[in-house]
Amino acid sequence: NDLSNKVLDHQNTISTTFNQIMYEMSSVVCPHCSDTCRNIFTFEVYKWAWSIVNTRAVYMSPDCSLKNKIKLSDVNNLALAPYIDMFNHSPLACVRATVNNLNGTYTIVTEKLFKKHSEVFINYGPHSNTKLFLEYGFIVPSNPQDSVHLSANEIISKTGKGLNKNRMEKLRTYDLLEGHYCTSEGLSWSTKHPNTPNT
């Protein structure tokens, strides 16, 4: 259920943002072909653009001083880094990414040795397989960051333990009905100990 809901949420986000953009651009006409942007910029094109940005964008700090003098206003700035998608992700890769303030170059330095002629990996971040699949279209076998979310209803139905109203209220009061998951190391602490507040 969790995976299905995340896929639907992801699809809904893409579709909603596309509709918002189309609403804003409904009367914009292309100066080159005189056609409306609504006819040119289709949903298929938008999905392609979305994936291009997601797989090739890096965060830029507003403190970064660029040669082109573009003033970055907030922490949510993205810059497209051509060819960065040529490097595959590994959760085991240790890398450091920096922007050289003198020349504006984006640099990734590995902090782990690689053998000559072997593939050099970078790390896209501590992502679960769900996140990797939704954002990048792949999963990593034996991903140490992977986890499976478990809803309280799933746990209760599978354990066969009936919970009376008072007990359910207690679990709700201590916020123990959410945050349950399972990793390669087993169940989370709050899933194994549902009667103890996690403080």
N, C-alpha and C. Protein backbone atom coordinates (compact mmCIF):
# COMPACT_ATOMS: atom_id res chain seq x y z
N ASN A 1 0.82 -1.21 0.00
CA ASN A 1 0.00 0.00 0.00
C ASN A 1 0.85 1.26 0.00
N ASP A 2 1.91 1.25 0.80
CA ASP A 2 2.77 2.44 0.91
C ASP A 2 3.41 2.75 -0.43
N LEU A 3 3.95 1.73 -1.09
CA LEU A 3 4.60 1.95 -2.39
C LEU A 3 3.59 2.45 -3.42
N SER A 4 2.43 1.85 -3.45
CA SER A 4 1.38 2.26 -4.37
C SER A 4 0.98 3.72 -4.13
N ASN A 5 0.83 4.09 -2.85
CA ASN A 5 0.46 5.48 -2.53
C ASN A 5 1.54 6.47 -2.94
N LYS A 6 2.81 6.09 -2.77
CA LYS A 6 3.90 6.99 -3.14
C LYS A 6 3.97 7.17 -4.66
N VAL A 7 3.72 6.10 -5.41
CA VAL A 7 3.69 6.20 -6.87
C VAL A 7 2.56 7.14 -7.30
N LEU A 8 1.40 6.96 -6.71
CA LEU A 8 0.25 7.81 -7.05
C LEU A 8 0.51 9.27 -6.67
N ASP A 9 1.12 9.51 -5.50
CA ASP A 9 1.46 10.87 -5.08
C ASP A 9 2.45 11.51 -6.04
N HIS A 10 3.43 10.73 -6.47
CA HIS A 10 4.45 11.22 -7.41
C HIS A 10 3.80 11.60 -8.74
N GLN A 11 2.95 10.71 -9.24
CA GLN A 11 2.25 10.99 -10.50
C GLN A 11 1.36 12.22 -10.36
N ASN A 12 0.71 12.35 -9.22
CA ASN A 12 -0.17 13.48 -8.97
C ASN A 12 0.61 14.79 -8.91
N THR A 13 1.79 14.78 -8.30
CA THR A 13 2.64 15.97 -8.23
C THR A 13 3.02 16.44 -9.63
N ILE A 14 3.45 15.51 -10.47
CA ILE A 14 3.85 15.86 -11.84
C ILE A 14 2.66 16.40 -12.62
N SER A 15 1.54 15.74 -12.51
CA SER A 15 0.35 16.16 -13.25
C SER A 15 -0.17 17.51 -12.75
N THR A 16 -0.16 17.72 -11.41
CA THR A 16 -0.65 18.99 -10.84
C THR A 16 0.23 20.16 -11.26
N THR A 17 1.55 19.98 -11.18
CA THR A 17 2.44 21.08 -11.56
C THR A 17 2.34 21.38 -13.05
N PHE A 18 2.14 20.34 -13.87
CA PHE A 18 1.95 20.57 -15.30
C PHE A 18 0.69 21.40 -15.55
N ASN A 19 -0.39 21.05 -14.87
CA ASN A 19 -1.65 21.80 -15.05
C ASN A 19 -1.52 23.24 -14.58
N GLN A 20 -0.76 23.48 -13.50
CA GLN A 20 -0.54 24.84 -13.02
C GLN A 20 0.23 25.67 -14.05
N ILE A 21 1.25 25.05 -14.62
CA ILE A 21 2.05 25.76 -15.63
C ILE A 21 1.21 26.04 -16.87
N MET A 22 0.43 25.06 -17.30
CA MET A 22 -0.41 25.25 -18.48
C MET A 22 -1.45 26.34 -18.25
N TYR A 23 -1.97 26.43 -17.04
CA TYR A 23 -2.94 27.48 -16.72
C TYR A 23 -2.29 28.86 -16.85
N GLU A 24 -1.07 28.99 -16.33
CA GLU A 24 -0.36 30.26 -16.40
C GLU A 24 0.05 30.62 -17.83
N MET A 25 0.30 29.59 -18.65
CA MET A 25 0.80 29.83 -20.01
C MET A 25 -0.30 29.68 -21.07
N SER A 26 -1.54 29.60 -20.66
CA SER A 26 -2.62 29.30 -21.61
C SER A 26 -2.71 30.29 -22.77
N SER A 27 -2.36 31.54 -22.52
CA SER A 27 -2.49 32.54 -23.60
C SER A 27 -1.13 32.92 -24.22
N VAL A 28 -0.05 32.28 -23.76
CA VAL A 28 1.27 32.60 -24.29
C VAL A 28 1.43 31.98 -25.68
N VAL A 29 1.91 32.80 -26.62
CA VAL A 29 2.11 32.34 -28.00
C VAL A 29 3.60 32.33 -28.32
N CYS A 30 4.05 31.26 -28.95
CA CYS A 30 5.46 31.14 -29.34
C CYS A 30 5.77 32.15 -30.44
N PRO A 31 6.82 32.99 -30.27
CA PRO A 31 7.15 33.98 -31.30
C PRO A 31 7.71 33.37 -32.58
N HIS A 32 8.14 32.11 -32.53
CA HIS A 32 8.76 31.48 -33.69
C HIS A 32 7.75 30.82 -34.62
N CYS A 33 6.73 30.15 -34.02
CA CYS A 33 5.78 29.41 -34.86
C CYS A 33 4.35 29.91 -34.71
N SER A 34 4.13 30.87 -33.83
CA SER A 34 2.81 31.47 -33.58
C SER A 34 1.78 30.49 -33.04
N ASP A 35 2.25 29.35 -32.54
CA ASP A 35 1.34 28.39 -31.91
C ASP A 35 1.33 28.66 -30.40
N THR A 36 0.26 28.24 -29.72
CA THR A 36 0.20 28.46 -28.28
C THR A 36 1.13 27.47 -27.57
N CYS A 37 1.66 27.91 -26.45
CA CYS A 37 2.54 27.04 -25.65
C CYS A 37 1.80 25.79 -25.20
N ARG A 38 0.50 25.91 -25.00
CA ARG A 38 -0.29 24.75 -24.58
C ARG A 38 -0.22 23.63 -25.63
N ASN A 39 -0.18 23.99 -26.91
CA ASN A 39 -0.09 22.98 -27.97
C ASN A 39 1.32 22.43 -28.12
N ILE A 40 2.31 23.25 -27.81
CA ILE A 40 3.71 22.84 -28.00
C ILE A 40 4.20 22.03 -26.80
N PHE A 41 3.91 22.53 -25.60
CA PHE A 41 4.44 21.94 -24.38
C PHE A 41 3.46 20.90 -23.85
N THR A 42 3.55 19.70 -24.38
CA THR A 42 2.62 18.63 -24.01
C THR A 42 3.02 17.99 -22.68
N PHE A 43 2.13 17.17 -22.15
CA PHE A 43 2.41 16.46 -20.90
C PHE A 43 3.60 15.52 -21.06
N GLU A 44 3.72 14.88 -22.24
CA GLU A 44 4.86 13.99 -22.49
C GLU A 44 6.17 14.77 -22.46
N VAL A 45 6.18 15.96 -23.04
CA VAL A 45 7.38 16.80 -23.02
C VAL A 45 7.70 17.22 -21.60
N TYR A 46 6.66 17.56 -20.83
CA TYR A 46 6.85 17.97 -19.45
C TYR A 46 7.46 16.85 -18.60
N LYS A 47 6.95 15.61 -18.78
CA LYS A 47 7.50 14.48 -18.03
C LYS A 47 8.97 14.26 -18.38
N TRP A 48 9.30 14.42 -19.66
CA TRP A 48 10.70 14.30 -20.09
C TRP A 48 11.56 15.38 -19.43
N ALA A 49 11.07 16.63 -19.42
CA ALA A 49 11.81 17.73 -18.81
C ALA A 49 11.98 17.50 -17.31
N TRP A 50 10.93 17.01 -16.66
CA TRP A 50 10.98 16.73 -15.22
C TRP A 50 12.10 15.74 -14.92
N SER A 51 12.17 14.66 -15.71
CA SER A 51 13.20 13.64 -15.45
C SER A 51 14.59 14.15 -15.78
N ILE A 52 14.72 15.01 -16.79
CA ILE A 52 16.02 15.60 -17.11
C ILE A 52 16.53 16.42 -15.93
N VAL A 53 15.67 17.25 -15.37
CA VAL A 53 16.08 18.09 -14.23
C VAL A 53 16.39 17.21 -13.02
N ASN A 54 15.55 16.22 -12.74
CA ASN A 54 15.77 15.36 -11.57
C ASN A 54 17.07 14.56 -11.65
N THR A 55 17.47 14.16 -12.83
CA THR A 55 18.65 13.30 -12.95
C THR A 55 19.93 14.08 -13.24
N ARG A 56 19.83 15.37 -13.51
CA ARG A 56 21.03 16.14 -13.87
C ARG A 56 21.20 17.43 -13.07
N ALA A 57 20.36 17.63 -12.05
CA ALA A 57 20.43 18.89 -11.30
C ALA A 57 21.19 18.71 -10.00
N VAL A 58 21.90 19.77 -9.63
CA VAL A 58 22.62 19.80 -8.35
C VAL A 58 22.19 21.06 -7.60
N TYR A 59 22.24 21.00 -6.29
CA TYR A 59 21.88 22.16 -5.48
C TYR A 59 23.02 23.17 -5.49
N MET A 60 22.65 24.43 -5.57
CA MET A 60 23.63 25.52 -5.54
C MET A 60 23.32 26.41 -4.34
N SER A 61 24.33 26.69 -3.55
CA SER A 61 24.15 27.56 -2.40
C SER A 61 24.00 29.00 -2.86
N PRO A 62 23.16 29.79 -2.18
CA PRO A 62 23.04 31.20 -2.54
C PRO A 62 24.33 31.97 -2.25
N ASP A 63 25.25 31.37 -1.48
CA ASP A 63 26.54 32.01 -1.19
C ASP A 63 27.51 31.88 -2.36
N CYS A 64 27.15 31.04 -3.33
CA CYS A 64 28.05 30.79 -4.45
C CYS A 64 28.18 32.04 -5.32
N SER A 65 29.41 32.37 -5.67
CA SER A 65 29.68 33.53 -6.52
C SER A 65 29.98 33.04 -7.93
N LEU A 66 29.06 33.26 -8.85
CA LEU A 66 29.22 32.75 -10.22
C LEU A 66 29.79 33.82 -11.15
N LYS A 67 30.52 33.35 -12.17
CA LYS A 67 31.12 34.27 -13.13
C LYS A 67 30.07 35.08 -13.88
N ASN A 68 28.89 34.47 -14.11
CA ASN A 68 27.87 35.17 -14.88
C ASN A 68 27.08 36.16 -14.03
N LYS A 69 27.45 36.27 -12.75
CA LYS A 69 26.86 37.27 -11.83
C LYS A 69 25.37 37.07 -11.58
N ILE A 70 24.86 35.84 -11.77
CA ILE A 70 23.47 35.57 -11.43
C ILE A 70 23.35 35.53 -9.92
N LYS A 71 22.46 36.34 -9.37
CA LYS A 71 22.30 36.37 -7.91
C LYS A 71 21.32 35.28 -7.50
N LEU A 72 21.81 34.34 -6.71
CA LEU A 72 20.96 33.26 -6.21
C LEU A 72 20.27 33.74 -4.95
N SER A 73 18.95 33.55 -4.90
CA SER A 73 18.18 34.18 -3.84
C SER A 73 17.89 33.30 -2.63
N ASP A 74 17.78 31.99 -2.81
CA ASP A 74 17.45 31.14 -1.67
C ASP A 74 18.14 29.79 -1.77
N VAL A 75 17.92 28.95 -0.76
CA VAL A 75 18.65 27.68 -0.69
C VAL A 75 18.14 26.63 -1.66
N ASN A 76 17.02 26.87 -2.31
CA ASN A 76 16.44 25.87 -3.22
C ASN A 76 16.85 26.07 -4.67
N ASN A 77 18.03 26.57 -4.90
CA ASN A 77 18.51 26.78 -6.26
C ASN A 77 19.06 25.49 -6.84
N LEU A 78 18.73 25.24 -8.10
CA LEU A 78 19.25 24.08 -8.81
C LEU A 78 20.01 24.54 -10.04
N ALA A 79 21.04 23.80 -10.38
CA ALA A 79 21.77 24.05 -11.63
C ALA A 79 21.88 22.72 -12.36
N LEU A 80 21.71 22.76 -13.68
CA LEU A 80 21.88 21.53 -14.46
C LEU A 80 23.37 21.27 -14.65
N ALA A 81 23.77 20.04 -14.38
CA ALA A 81 25.17 19.64 -14.53
C ALA A 81 25.23 18.59 -15.63
N PRO A 82 25.56 19.01 -16.85
CA PRO A 82 25.62 18.04 -17.96
C PRO A 82 26.58 16.89 -17.65
N TYR A 83 26.22 15.72 -18.09
CA TYR A 83 27.00 14.49 -17.95
C TYR A 83 27.01 13.90 -16.54
N ILE A 84 26.41 14.58 -15.56
CA ILE A 84 26.45 14.02 -14.20
C ILE A 84 25.69 12.70 -14.12
N ASP A 85 24.71 12.51 -15.01
CA ASP A 85 23.96 11.25 -15.01
C ASP A 85 24.79 10.10 -15.58
N MET A 86 25.99 10.39 -16.09
CA MET A 86 26.88 9.33 -16.58
C MET A 86 27.49 8.56 -15.40
N PHE A 87 27.47 9.16 -14.21
CA PHE A 87 27.99 8.49 -13.03
C PHE A 87 26.85 7.77 -12.32
N ASN A 88 27.02 6.48 -12.11
CA ASN A 88 25.99 5.70 -11.44
C ASN A 88 26.08 5.87 -9.93
N HIS A 89 24.94 5.65 -9.28
CA HIS A 89 24.83 5.79 -7.83
C HIS A 89 25.22 4.51 -7.13
N SER A 90 25.93 4.67 -6.03
CA SER A 90 26.14 3.56 -5.10
C SER A 90 25.98 4.10 -3.70
N PRO A 91 25.19 3.42 -2.86
CA PRO A 91 25.04 3.89 -1.48
C PRO A 91 26.35 3.78 -0.69
N LEU A 92 27.32 3.04 -1.22
CA LEU A 92 28.60 2.87 -0.54
C LEU A 92 29.64 3.91 -0.96
N ALA A 93 29.35 4.68 -1.99
CA ALA A 93 30.31 5.68 -2.47
C ALA A 93 30.40 6.85 -1.49
N CYS A 94 31.63 7.28 -1.22
CA CYS A 94 31.87 8.45 -0.36
C CYS A 94 32.42 9.56 -1.24
N VAL A 95 31.64 10.60 -1.45
CA VAL A 95 32.07 11.69 -2.31
C VAL A 95 31.81 13.03 -1.63
N ARG A 96 32.51 14.04 -2.11
CA ARG A 96 32.33 15.41 -1.63
C ARG A 96 32.12 16.29 -2.85
N ALA A 97 31.01 17.00 -2.89
CA ALA A 97 30.70 17.88 -4.02
C ALA A 97 30.87 19.32 -3.58
N THR A 98 31.55 20.11 -4.41
CA THR A 98 31.78 21.52 -4.08
C THR A 98 31.68 22.38 -5.33
N VAL A 99 31.42 23.66 -5.12
CA VAL A 99 31.46 24.63 -6.21
C VAL A 99 32.67 25.52 -5.96
N ASN A 100 33.54 25.62 -6.95
CA ASN A 100 34.70 26.49 -6.84
C ASN A 100 34.25 27.93 -7.02
N ASN A 101 34.34 28.72 -5.96
CA ASN A 101 33.88 30.11 -6.02
C ASN A 101 34.71 30.99 -6.93
N LEU A 102 35.93 30.56 -7.26
CA LEU A 102 36.78 31.37 -8.13
C LEU A 102 36.39 31.23 -9.60
N ASN A 103 36.13 30.00 -10.03
CA ASN A 103 35.82 29.81 -11.46
C ASN A 103 34.41 29.25 -11.71
N GLY A 104 33.64 29.00 -10.65
CA GLY A 104 32.26 28.55 -10.82
C GLY A 104 32.10 27.10 -11.23
N THR A 105 33.18 26.32 -11.19
CA THR A 105 33.07 24.92 -11.60
C THR A 105 32.50 24.05 -10.47
N TYR A 106 31.79 23.03 -10.87
CA TYR A 106 31.21 22.06 -9.93
C TYR A 106 32.12 20.85 -9.91
N THR A 107 32.57 20.47 -8.73
CA THR A 107 33.55 19.39 -8.61
C THR A 107 33.04 18.31 -7.67
N ILE A 108 33.23 17.06 -8.09
CA ILE A 108 32.93 15.92 -7.22
C ILE A 108 34.24 15.19 -6.98
N VAL A 109 34.58 15.03 -5.71
CA VAL A 109 35.82 14.35 -5.34
C VAL A 109 35.46 13.09 -4.59
N THR A 110 36.03 11.96 -5.02
CA THR A 110 35.78 10.71 -4.30
C THR A 110 36.72 10.63 -3.11
N GLU A 111 36.19 10.16 -2.00
CA GLU A 111 37.01 9.99 -0.80
C GLU A 111 37.31 8.52 -0.56
N LYS A 112 37.11 7.74 -1.61
CA LYS A 112 37.34 6.30 -1.55
C LYS A 112 38.13 5.91 -2.79
N LEU A 113 39.15 5.08 -2.63
CA LEU A 113 39.98 4.69 -3.77
C LEU A 113 39.22 3.72 -4.69
N PHE A 114 39.45 3.87 -6.00
CA PHE A 114 38.90 2.96 -7.00
C PHE A 114 40.05 2.35 -7.78
N LYS A 115 39.94 1.07 -8.10
CA LYS A 115 40.98 0.41 -8.89
C LYS A 115 40.96 0.95 -10.31
N LYS A 116 42.12 0.96 -10.93
CA LYS A 116 42.24 1.40 -12.32
C LYS A 116 41.31 0.58 -13.21
N HIS A 117 40.63 1.24 -14.11
CA HIS A 117 39.68 0.66 -15.07
C HIS A 117 38.37 0.19 -14.43
N SER A 118 38.18 0.42 -13.15
CA SER A 118 36.90 0.05 -12.53
C SER A 118 35.94 1.24 -12.62
N GLU A 119 34.66 0.96 -12.44
CA GLU A 119 33.67 2.02 -12.51
C GLU A 119 33.73 2.90 -11.27
N VAL A 120 33.69 4.21 -11.48
CA VAL A 120 33.68 5.17 -10.38
C VAL A 120 32.23 5.54 -10.11
N PHE A 121 31.80 5.38 -8.88
CA PHE A 121 30.42 5.69 -8.50
C PHE A 121 30.38 7.00 -7.72
N ILE A 122 29.21 7.64 -7.76
CA ILE A 122 28.95 8.77 -6.88
C ILE A 122 27.73 8.40 -6.03
N ASN A 123 27.41 9.25 -5.09
CA ASN A 123 26.29 8.97 -4.19
C ASN A 123 25.24 10.06 -4.36
N TYR A 124 24.03 9.66 -4.74
CA TYR A 124 22.94 10.63 -4.94
C TYR A 124 22.31 11.06 -3.62
N GLY A 125 22.73 10.43 -2.53
CA GLY A 125 22.15 10.72 -1.22
C GLY A 125 21.65 9.43 -0.59
N PRO A 126 21.30 9.49 0.71
CA PRO A 126 20.84 8.29 1.42
C PRO A 126 19.39 7.97 1.07
N HIS A 127 19.18 7.41 -0.13
CA HIS A 127 17.82 7.19 -0.64
C HIS A 127 17.42 5.73 -0.54
N SER A 128 16.16 5.51 -0.19
CA SER A 128 15.58 4.16 -0.23
C SER A 128 15.36 3.78 -1.69
N ASN A 129 15.09 2.50 -1.91
CA ASN A 129 14.80 2.05 -3.28
C ASN A 129 13.54 2.69 -3.84
N THR A 130 12.58 2.99 -2.98
CA THR A 130 11.36 3.67 -3.44
C THR A 130 11.71 5.04 -4.02
N LYS A 131 12.52 5.80 -3.29
CA LYS A 131 12.94 7.14 -3.75
C LYS A 131 13.76 7.03 -5.03
N LEU A 132 14.70 6.08 -5.07
CA LEU A 132 15.53 5.90 -6.27
C LEU A 132 14.67 5.53 -7.48
N PHE A 133 13.70 4.66 -7.26
CA PHE A 133 12.84 4.24 -8.37
C PHE A 133 11.98 5.39 -8.88
N LEU A 134 11.36 6.13 -7.95
CA LEU A 134 10.48 7.23 -8.35
C LEU A 134 11.24 8.37 -9.02
N GLU A 135 12.40 8.72 -8.49
CA GLU A 135 13.15 9.88 -8.99
C GLU A 135 14.09 9.55 -10.14
N TYR A 136 14.67 8.34 -10.13
CA TYR A 136 15.72 8.02 -11.11
C TYR A 136 15.43 6.80 -11.97
N GLY A 137 14.44 5.98 -11.59
CA GLY A 137 14.06 4.85 -12.43
C GLY A 137 14.86 3.58 -12.21
N PHE A 138 15.55 3.45 -11.09
CA PHE A 138 16.27 2.20 -10.81
C PHE A 138 16.22 1.91 -9.32
N ILE A 139 16.62 0.69 -8.96
CA ILE A 139 16.76 0.31 -7.56
C ILE A 139 18.14 -0.30 -7.36
N VAL A 140 18.59 -0.38 -6.12
CA VAL A 140 19.89 -0.95 -5.79
C VAL A 140 19.67 -2.22 -4.99
N PRO A 141 20.13 -3.37 -5.50
CA PRO A 141 20.00 -4.60 -4.72
C PRO A 141 20.74 -4.46 -3.38
N SER A 142 20.17 -4.98 -2.32
CA SER A 142 20.77 -4.92 -0.98
C SER A 142 21.10 -3.50 -0.56
N ASN A 143 20.22 -2.58 -0.87
CA ASN A 143 20.42 -1.17 -0.53
C ASN A 143 20.36 -0.98 0.99
N PRO A 144 21.46 -0.56 1.64
CA PRO A 144 21.42 -0.41 3.10
C PRO A 144 20.49 0.70 3.58
N GLN A 145 20.13 1.63 2.69
CA GLN A 145 19.20 2.71 3.06
C GLN A 145 17.74 2.34 2.81
N ASP A 146 17.50 1.13 2.32
CA ASP A 146 16.14 0.77 1.96
C ASP A 146 15.32 0.41 3.20
N SER A 147 14.05 0.74 3.13
CA SER A 147 13.13 0.38 4.21
C SER A 147 11.74 0.22 3.63
N VAL A 148 10.92 -0.55 4.32
CA VAL A 148 9.54 -0.75 3.91
C VAL A 148 8.66 -0.17 5.01
N HIS A 149 7.81 0.79 4.64
CA HIS A 149 6.91 1.42 5.60
C HIS A 149 5.78 0.45 5.94
N LEU A 150 5.41 0.41 7.20
CA LEU A 150 4.31 -0.44 7.66
C LEU A 150 3.28 0.44 8.35
N SER A 151 2.06 0.37 7.88
CA SER A 151 1.00 1.14 8.53
C SER A 151 0.56 0.41 9.80
N ALA A 152 0.00 1.16 10.73
CA ALA A 152 -0.49 0.56 11.98
C ALA A 152 -1.56 -0.50 11.67
N ASN A 153 -2.41 -0.22 10.70
CA ASN A 153 -3.46 -1.19 10.34
C ASN A 153 -2.88 -2.50 9.83
N GLU A 154 -1.79 -2.41 9.03
CA GLU A 154 -1.15 -3.62 8.52
C GLU A 154 -0.57 -4.45 9.67
N ILE A 155 0.07 -3.76 10.60
CA ILE A 155 0.69 -4.46 11.72
C ILE A 155 -0.38 -5.13 12.58
N ILE A 156 -1.42 -4.39 12.89
CA ILE A 156 -2.50 -4.93 13.75
C ILE A 156 -3.19 -6.11 13.07
N SER A 157 -3.44 -5.99 11.76
CA SER A 157 -4.14 -7.07 11.06
C SER A 157 -3.26 -8.32 10.93
N LYS A 158 -1.95 -8.16 10.80
CA LYS A 158 -1.05 -9.31 10.63
C LYS A 158 -0.70 -9.98 11.94
N THR A 159 -0.70 -9.24 13.03
CA THR A 159 -0.35 -9.85 14.31
C THR A 159 -1.54 -10.55 14.94
N GLY A 160 -2.73 -10.20 14.46
CA GLY A 160 -3.92 -10.83 14.98
C GLY A 160 -4.30 -10.36 16.38
N LYS A 161 -3.64 -9.31 16.83
CA LYS A 161 -3.96 -8.78 18.16
C LYS A 161 -5.04 -7.73 18.05
N GLY A 162 -6.15 -7.98 18.71
CA GLY A 162 -7.21 -6.98 18.74
C GLY A 162 -6.86 -5.90 19.76
N LEU A 163 -7.02 -4.65 19.39
CA LEU A 163 -6.73 -3.55 20.30
C LEU A 163 -8.03 -2.87 20.70
N ASN A 164 -8.25 -2.76 21.99
CA ASN A 164 -9.46 -2.08 22.43
C ASN A 164 -9.30 -0.57 22.25
N LYS A 165 -10.39 0.14 22.44
CA LYS A 165 -10.42 1.58 22.20
C LYS A 165 -9.42 2.34 23.08
N ASN A 166 -9.31 1.96 24.35
CA ASN A 166 -8.38 2.62 25.27
C ASN A 166 -6.93 2.45 24.84
N ARG A 167 -6.60 1.24 24.41
CA ARG A 167 -5.22 0.98 23.98
C ARG A 167 -4.90 1.74 22.70
N MET A 168 -5.84 1.76 21.77
CA MET A 168 -5.64 2.53 20.53
C MET A 168 -5.44 4.01 20.84
N GLU A 169 -6.21 4.52 21.78
CA GLU A 169 -6.10 5.93 22.16
C GLU A 169 -4.74 6.23 22.77
N LYS A 170 -4.24 5.29 23.57
CA LYS A 170 -2.92 5.45 24.19
C LYS A 170 -1.83 5.49 23.12
N LEU A 171 -1.92 4.58 22.15
CA LEU A 171 -0.94 4.55 21.06
C LEU A 171 -0.99 5.84 20.24
N ARG A 172 -2.22 6.34 20.04
CA ARG A 172 -2.40 7.59 19.30
C ARG A 172 -1.82 8.78 20.09
N THR A 173 -2.05 8.80 21.39
CA THR A 173 -1.57 9.88 22.26
C THR A 173 -0.05 10.00 22.20
N TYR A 174 0.62 8.85 22.23
CA TYR A 174 2.09 8.85 22.20
C TYR A 174 2.64 8.80 20.77
N ASP A 175 1.77 9.00 19.79
CA ASP A 175 2.18 9.02 18.38
C ASP A 175 2.90 7.72 17.99
N LEU A 176 2.35 6.60 18.42
CA LEU A 176 2.96 5.30 18.15
C LEU A 176 2.29 4.54 17.01
N LEU A 177 1.36 5.18 16.32
CA LEU A 177 0.69 4.52 15.19
C LEU A 177 1.39 4.81 13.87
N GLU A 178 2.35 5.73 13.89
CA GLU A 178 3.08 6.08 12.67
C GLU A 178 4.56 5.78 12.83
N GLY A 179 5.28 5.81 11.73
CA GLY A 179 6.73 5.65 11.77
C GLY A 179 7.21 4.23 11.91
N HIS A 180 6.38 3.27 11.51
CA HIS A 180 6.79 1.87 11.57
C HIS A 180 7.40 1.46 10.24
N TYR A 181 8.51 0.75 10.32
CA TYR A 181 9.17 0.31 9.09
C TYR A 181 10.04 -0.91 9.37
N CYS A 182 10.50 -1.51 8.29
CA CYS A 182 11.38 -2.68 8.37
C CYS A 182 12.56 -2.44 7.43
N THR A 183 13.77 -2.71 7.90
CA THR A 183 14.97 -2.61 7.07
C THR A 183 15.60 -3.99 6.95
N SER A 184 16.76 -4.06 6.30
CA SER A 184 17.46 -5.35 6.19
C SER A 184 17.91 -5.85 7.57
N GLU A 185 17.94 -4.94 8.56
CA GLU A 185 18.31 -5.34 9.92
C GLU A 185 17.10 -5.76 10.75
N GLY A 186 15.91 -5.65 10.20
CA GLY A 186 14.71 -6.07 10.92
C GLY A 186 13.75 -4.92 11.18
N LEU A 187 12.83 -5.14 12.09
CA LEU A 187 11.80 -4.15 12.41
C LEU A 187 12.38 -2.97 13.16
N SER A 188 11.79 -1.80 12.95
CA SER A 188 12.21 -0.60 13.70
C SER A 188 11.88 -0.78 15.18
N TRP A 189 12.53 0.03 16.01
CA TRP A 189 12.34 -0.06 17.47
C TRP A 189 10.89 0.15 17.84
N SER A 190 10.25 1.16 17.25
CA SER A 190 8.86 1.47 17.61
C SER A 190 7.90 0.37 17.16
N THR A 191 8.27 -0.39 16.15
CA THR A 191 7.42 -1.50 15.71
C THR A 191 7.54 -2.69 16.65
N LYS A 192 8.76 -2.93 17.15
CA LYS A 192 8.98 -4.05 18.07
C LYS A 192 8.46 -3.75 19.47
N HIS A 193 8.42 -2.46 19.84
CA HIS A 193 8.01 -2.07 21.19
C HIS A 193 6.86 -1.05 21.11
N PRO A 194 5.69 -1.48 20.66
CA PRO A 194 4.61 -0.51 20.42
C PRO A 194 3.98 0.08 21.67
N ASN A 195 4.27 -0.48 22.83
CA ASN A 195 3.63 0.02 24.05
C ASN A 195 4.47 1.04 24.81
N THR A 196 5.69 1.29 24.31
CA THR A 196 6.60 2.19 25.02
C THR A 196 6.78 3.47 24.22
N PRO A 197 6.53 4.64 24.81
CA PRO A 197 6.78 5.89 24.09
C PRO A 197 8.24 6.00 23.70
N ASN A 198 8.49 6.41 22.47
CA ASN A 198 9.86 6.55 21.97
C ASN A 198 10.38 7.92 22.35
N THR A 199 11.10 8.01 23.49
CA THR A 199 11.59 9.32 23.97
C THR A 199 13.09 9.36 23.93
